[in-house]
Amino acid sequence: EWHFTDLGQVMRLTLSNGVLIRTLDPRSKDDIDLTLTLTKAQLLGILAGKGLDGIDHTGDPAVLHRLFGLLDTPDPNFPVVTP
């Protein structure tokens, strides 16, 4: 679960059967493996590989590493637009 302090928003990500589901401002109190309290700029730092230094979190940080481990490495030569 992501608590964005600068946006005043909570977002929950759930991975189920290979599908990543995003829920804004979730109402349920499901079992949450990891909760991060951060700003959008800190999220961009995490995505850039800077880790969780300076970010408040509760739970198991290995969950984030497992999630990122499921992602493909982007291909910088991928043809977004073809003639």
N, C-alpha and C. Protein backbone atom coordinates (compact mmCIF):
# COMPACT_ATOMS: atom_id res chain seq x y z
N GLU A 1 0.85 -1.17 0.00
CA GLU A 1 0.00 0.00 0.00
C GLU A 1 0.89 1.23 0.00
N TRP A 2 0.55 2.20 -0.80
CA TRP A 2 1.34 3.42 -0.97
C TRP A 2 0.55 4.58 -0.39
N HIS A 3 1.11 5.27 0.59
CA HIS A 3 0.50 6.46 1.19
C HIS A 3 1.30 7.67 0.70
N PHE A 4 0.72 8.43 -0.23
CA PHE A 4 1.40 9.58 -0.80
C PHE A 4 1.07 10.83 0.02
N THR A 5 2.07 11.34 0.74
CA THR A 5 1.86 12.48 1.62
C THR A 5 1.64 13.77 0.85
N ASP A 6 2.28 13.92 -0.30
CA ASP A 6 2.14 15.16 -1.08
C ASP A 6 0.85 15.19 -1.90
N LEU A 7 0.30 14.04 -2.21
CA LEU A 7 -0.93 13.98 -3.01
C LEU A 7 -2.17 13.76 -2.15
N GLY A 8 -1.96 13.39 -0.88
CA GLY A 8 -3.09 13.10 0.00
C GLY A 8 -3.88 11.90 -0.49
N GLN A 9 -3.18 10.89 -0.98
CA GLN A 9 -3.84 9.75 -1.61
C GLN A 9 -3.23 8.44 -1.13
N VAL A 10 -4.07 7.42 -1.07
CA VAL A 10 -3.62 6.07 -0.73
C VAL A 10 -3.94 5.18 -1.93
N MET A 11 -2.95 4.37 -2.31
CA MET A 11 -3.12 3.45 -3.42
C MET A 11 -2.68 2.06 -2.99
N ARG A 12 -3.48 1.08 -3.29
CA ARG A 12 -3.13 -0.31 -2.98
C ARG A 12 -2.89 -1.05 -4.29
N LEU A 13 -1.79 -1.78 -4.34
CA LEU A 13 -1.50 -2.65 -5.47
C LEU A 13 -1.65 -4.09 -5.02
N THR A 14 -2.36 -4.86 -5.80
CA THR A 14 -2.56 -6.27 -5.52
C THR A 14 -2.18 -7.06 -6.76
N LEU A 15 -1.34 -8.06 -6.58
CA LEU A 15 -0.95 -8.92 -7.69
C LEU A 15 -1.66 -10.25 -7.51
N SER A 16 -2.49 -10.60 -8.49
CA SER A 16 -3.26 -11.83 -8.41
C SER A 16 -3.33 -12.48 -9.79
N ASN A 17 -2.88 -13.71 -9.90
CA ASN A 17 -2.92 -14.46 -11.15
C ASN A 17 -2.27 -13.70 -12.30
N GLY A 18 -1.15 -13.04 -12.01
CA GLY A 18 -0.41 -12.33 -13.04
C GLY A 18 -0.98 -10.99 -13.42
N VAL A 19 -2.00 -10.51 -12.69
CA VAL A 19 -2.62 -9.22 -12.99
C VAL A 19 -2.36 -8.27 -11.83
N LEU A 20 -1.86 -7.08 -12.13
CA LEU A 20 -1.60 -6.06 -11.13
C LEU A 20 -2.83 -5.16 -11.06
N ILE A 21 -3.44 -5.12 -9.88
CA ILE A 21 -4.69 -4.37 -9.69
C ILE A 21 -4.40 -3.16 -8.80
N ARG A 22 -4.79 -1.98 -9.28
CA ARG A 22 -4.61 -0.74 -8.52
C ARG A 22 -5.95 -0.30 -7.95
N THR A 23 -5.97 -0.04 -6.64
CA THR A 23 -7.18 0.45 -5.97
C THR A 23 -6.85 1.76 -5.28
N LEU A 24 -7.54 2.84 -5.67
CA LEU A 24 -7.34 4.13 -5.03
C LEU A 24 -8.21 4.22 -3.79
N ASP A 25 -7.66 4.76 -2.72
CA ASP A 25 -8.35 4.94 -1.45
C ASP A 25 -9.15 3.70 -1.06
N PRO A 26 -8.47 2.57 -0.85
CA PRO A 26 -9.16 1.32 -0.51
C PRO A 26 -9.91 1.44 0.82
N ARG A 27 -11.05 0.78 0.89
CA ARG A 27 -11.88 0.83 2.10
C ARG A 27 -11.65 -0.36 3.01
N SER A 28 -11.21 -1.46 2.44
CA SER A 28 -11.02 -2.68 3.23
C SER A 28 -9.67 -2.63 3.95
N LYS A 29 -9.55 -3.40 4.98
CA LYS A 29 -8.31 -3.53 5.74
C LYS A 29 -7.74 -4.93 5.54
N ASP A 30 -7.49 -5.28 4.27
CA ASP A 30 -6.92 -6.58 3.95
C ASP A 30 -5.54 -6.71 4.58
N ASP A 31 -5.04 -7.94 4.58
CA ASP A 31 -3.66 -8.15 5.03
C ASP A 31 -2.73 -7.48 4.03
N ILE A 32 -1.95 -6.55 4.51
CA ILE A 32 -1.04 -5.80 3.66
C ILE A 32 0.37 -6.21 4.00
N ASP A 33 1.13 -6.64 2.98
CA ASP A 33 2.49 -7.12 3.20
C ASP A 33 3.48 -5.98 3.43
N LEU A 34 3.24 -4.82 2.78
CA LEU A 34 4.17 -3.70 2.89
C LEU A 34 3.38 -2.40 2.73
N THR A 35 3.63 -1.46 3.63
CA THR A 35 3.04 -0.13 3.54
C THR A 35 4.16 0.88 3.45
N LEU A 36 4.10 1.74 2.43
CA LEU A 36 5.10 2.78 2.23
C LEU A 36 4.43 4.14 2.38
N THR A 37 5.06 5.04 3.13
CA THR A 37 4.59 6.42 3.27
C THR A 37 5.65 7.30 2.63
N LEU A 38 5.27 7.96 1.52
CA LEU A 38 6.27 8.65 0.71
C LEU A 38 5.64 9.73 -0.14
N THR A 39 6.49 10.46 -0.85
CA THR A 39 6.04 11.45 -1.82
C THR A 39 6.18 10.86 -3.23
N LYS A 40 5.59 11.54 -4.19
CA LYS A 40 5.71 11.07 -5.57
C LYS A 40 7.17 11.08 -6.02
N ALA A 41 7.93 12.09 -5.59
CA ALA A 41 9.35 12.16 -5.95
C ALA A 41 10.11 10.96 -5.37
N GLN A 42 9.76 10.54 -4.16
CA GLN A 42 10.41 9.38 -3.57
C GLN A 42 10.04 8.10 -4.32
N LEU A 43 8.81 8.01 -4.82
CA LEU A 43 8.41 6.86 -5.64
C LEU A 43 9.28 6.78 -6.89
N LEU A 44 9.50 7.91 -7.53
CA LEU A 44 10.35 7.92 -8.72
C LEU A 44 11.77 7.48 -8.37
N GLY A 45 12.24 7.83 -7.18
CA GLY A 45 13.55 7.37 -6.73
C GLY A 45 13.59 5.86 -6.55
N ILE A 46 12.52 5.30 -6.00
CA ILE A 46 12.44 3.84 -5.85
C ILE A 46 12.49 3.17 -7.22
N LEU A 47 11.72 3.71 -8.16
CA LEU A 47 11.68 3.13 -9.51
C LEU A 47 13.03 3.26 -10.22
N ALA A 48 13.81 4.27 -9.83
CA ALA A 48 15.15 4.46 -10.41
C ALA A 48 16.20 3.61 -9.72
N GLY A 49 15.78 2.85 -8.70
CA GLY A 49 16.70 1.93 -8.04
C GLY A 49 17.38 2.47 -6.79
N LYS A 50 16.89 3.56 -6.23
CA LYS A 50 17.53 4.15 -5.05
C LYS A 50 17.17 3.46 -3.74
N GLY A 51 16.22 2.54 -3.76
CA GLY A 51 15.87 1.81 -2.54
C GLY A 51 14.94 2.60 -1.63
N LEU A 52 14.81 2.13 -0.39
CA LEU A 52 13.85 2.70 0.55
C LEU A 52 14.49 3.64 1.57
N ASP A 53 15.71 4.08 1.33
CA ASP A 53 16.38 4.98 2.26
C ASP A 53 15.56 6.26 2.44
N GLY A 54 15.25 6.60 3.69
CA GLY A 54 14.50 7.81 4.00
C GLY A 54 13.01 7.69 3.81
N ILE A 55 12.51 6.51 3.50
CA ILE A 55 11.08 6.31 3.28
C ILE A 55 10.52 5.48 4.43
N ASP A 56 9.45 6.01 5.07
CA ASP A 56 8.81 5.26 6.15
C ASP A 56 8.11 4.05 5.57
N HIS A 57 8.32 2.90 6.20
CA HIS A 57 7.65 1.70 5.73
C HIS A 57 7.43 0.74 6.90
N THR A 58 6.38 -0.04 6.78
CA THR A 58 6.10 -1.12 7.72
C THR A 58 5.83 -2.37 6.91
N GLY A 59 6.28 -3.47 7.41
CA GLY A 59 6.09 -4.73 6.71
C GLY A 59 7.40 -5.23 6.12
N ASP A 60 7.28 -6.07 5.13
CA ASP A 60 8.42 -6.76 4.54
C ASP A 60 8.89 -6.07 3.26
N PRO A 61 10.04 -5.37 3.27
CA PRO A 61 10.52 -4.71 2.05
C PRO A 61 10.84 -5.67 0.91
N ALA A 62 11.03 -6.94 1.22
CA ALA A 62 11.31 -7.93 0.18
C ALA A 62 10.14 -8.06 -0.80
N VAL A 63 8.94 -7.68 -0.37
CA VAL A 63 7.77 -7.72 -1.25
C VAL A 63 7.99 -6.83 -2.47
N LEU A 64 8.57 -5.66 -2.24
CA LEU A 64 8.85 -4.74 -3.34
C LEU A 64 9.88 -5.33 -4.30
N HIS A 65 10.89 -5.98 -3.77
CA HIS A 65 11.91 -6.61 -4.61
C HIS A 65 11.32 -7.76 -5.42
N ARG A 66 10.39 -8.52 -4.82
CA ARG A 66 9.73 -9.60 -5.56
C ARG A 66 8.87 -9.04 -6.69
N LEU A 67 8.16 -7.95 -6.42
CA LEU A 67 7.33 -7.33 -7.45
C LEU A 67 8.19 -6.84 -8.61
N PHE A 68 9.27 -6.11 -8.31
CA PHE A 68 10.14 -5.62 -9.37
C PHE A 68 10.82 -6.76 -10.12
N GLY A 69 11.04 -7.87 -9.45
CA GLY A 69 11.64 -9.03 -10.10
C GLY A 69 10.75 -9.66 -11.16
N LEU A 70 9.46 -9.37 -11.10
CA LEU A 70 8.52 -9.91 -12.09
C LEU A 70 8.46 -9.07 -13.36
N LEU A 71 9.01 -7.88 -13.32
CA LEU A 71 8.94 -6.98 -14.46
C LEU A 71 10.02 -7.30 -15.48
N ASP A 72 9.71 -7.07 -16.73
CA ASP A 72 10.69 -7.25 -17.81
C ASP A 72 11.63 -6.06 -17.85
N THR A 73 12.83 -6.28 -18.33
CA THR A 73 13.77 -5.20 -18.57
C THR A 73 13.32 -4.47 -19.83
N PRO A 74 13.18 -3.14 -19.75
CA PRO A 74 12.71 -2.42 -20.94
C PRO A 74 13.73 -2.46 -22.07
N ASP A 75 13.23 -2.48 -23.29
CA ASP A 75 14.07 -2.47 -24.48
C ASP A 75 14.13 -1.04 -25.01
N PRO A 76 15.29 -0.36 -24.88
CA PRO A 76 15.37 1.03 -25.34
C PRO A 76 15.20 1.17 -26.84
N ASN A 77 15.32 0.08 -27.59
CA ASN A 77 15.15 0.13 -29.04
C ASN A 77 13.76 -0.29 -29.49
N PHE A 78 12.82 -0.41 -28.57
CA PHE A 78 11.46 -0.80 -28.91
C PHE A 78 10.81 0.26 -29.80
N PRO A 79 10.31 -0.13 -30.98
CA PRO A 79 9.73 0.84 -31.90
C PRO A 79 8.31 1.24 -31.46
N VAL A 80 8.23 2.37 -30.75
CA VAL A 80 6.92 2.84 -30.26
C VAL A 80 6.03 3.19 -31.43
N VAL A 81 6.60 3.87 -32.41
CA VAL A 81 5.85 4.24 -33.62
C VAL A 81 6.59 3.67 -34.83
N THR A 82 5.88 2.95 -35.65
CA THR A 82 6.49 2.41 -36.86
C THR A 82 5.82 3.02 -38.08
N PRO A 83 6.57 3.19 -39.16
CA PRO A 83 5.98 3.80 -40.38
C PRO A 83 4.97 2.89 -41.04
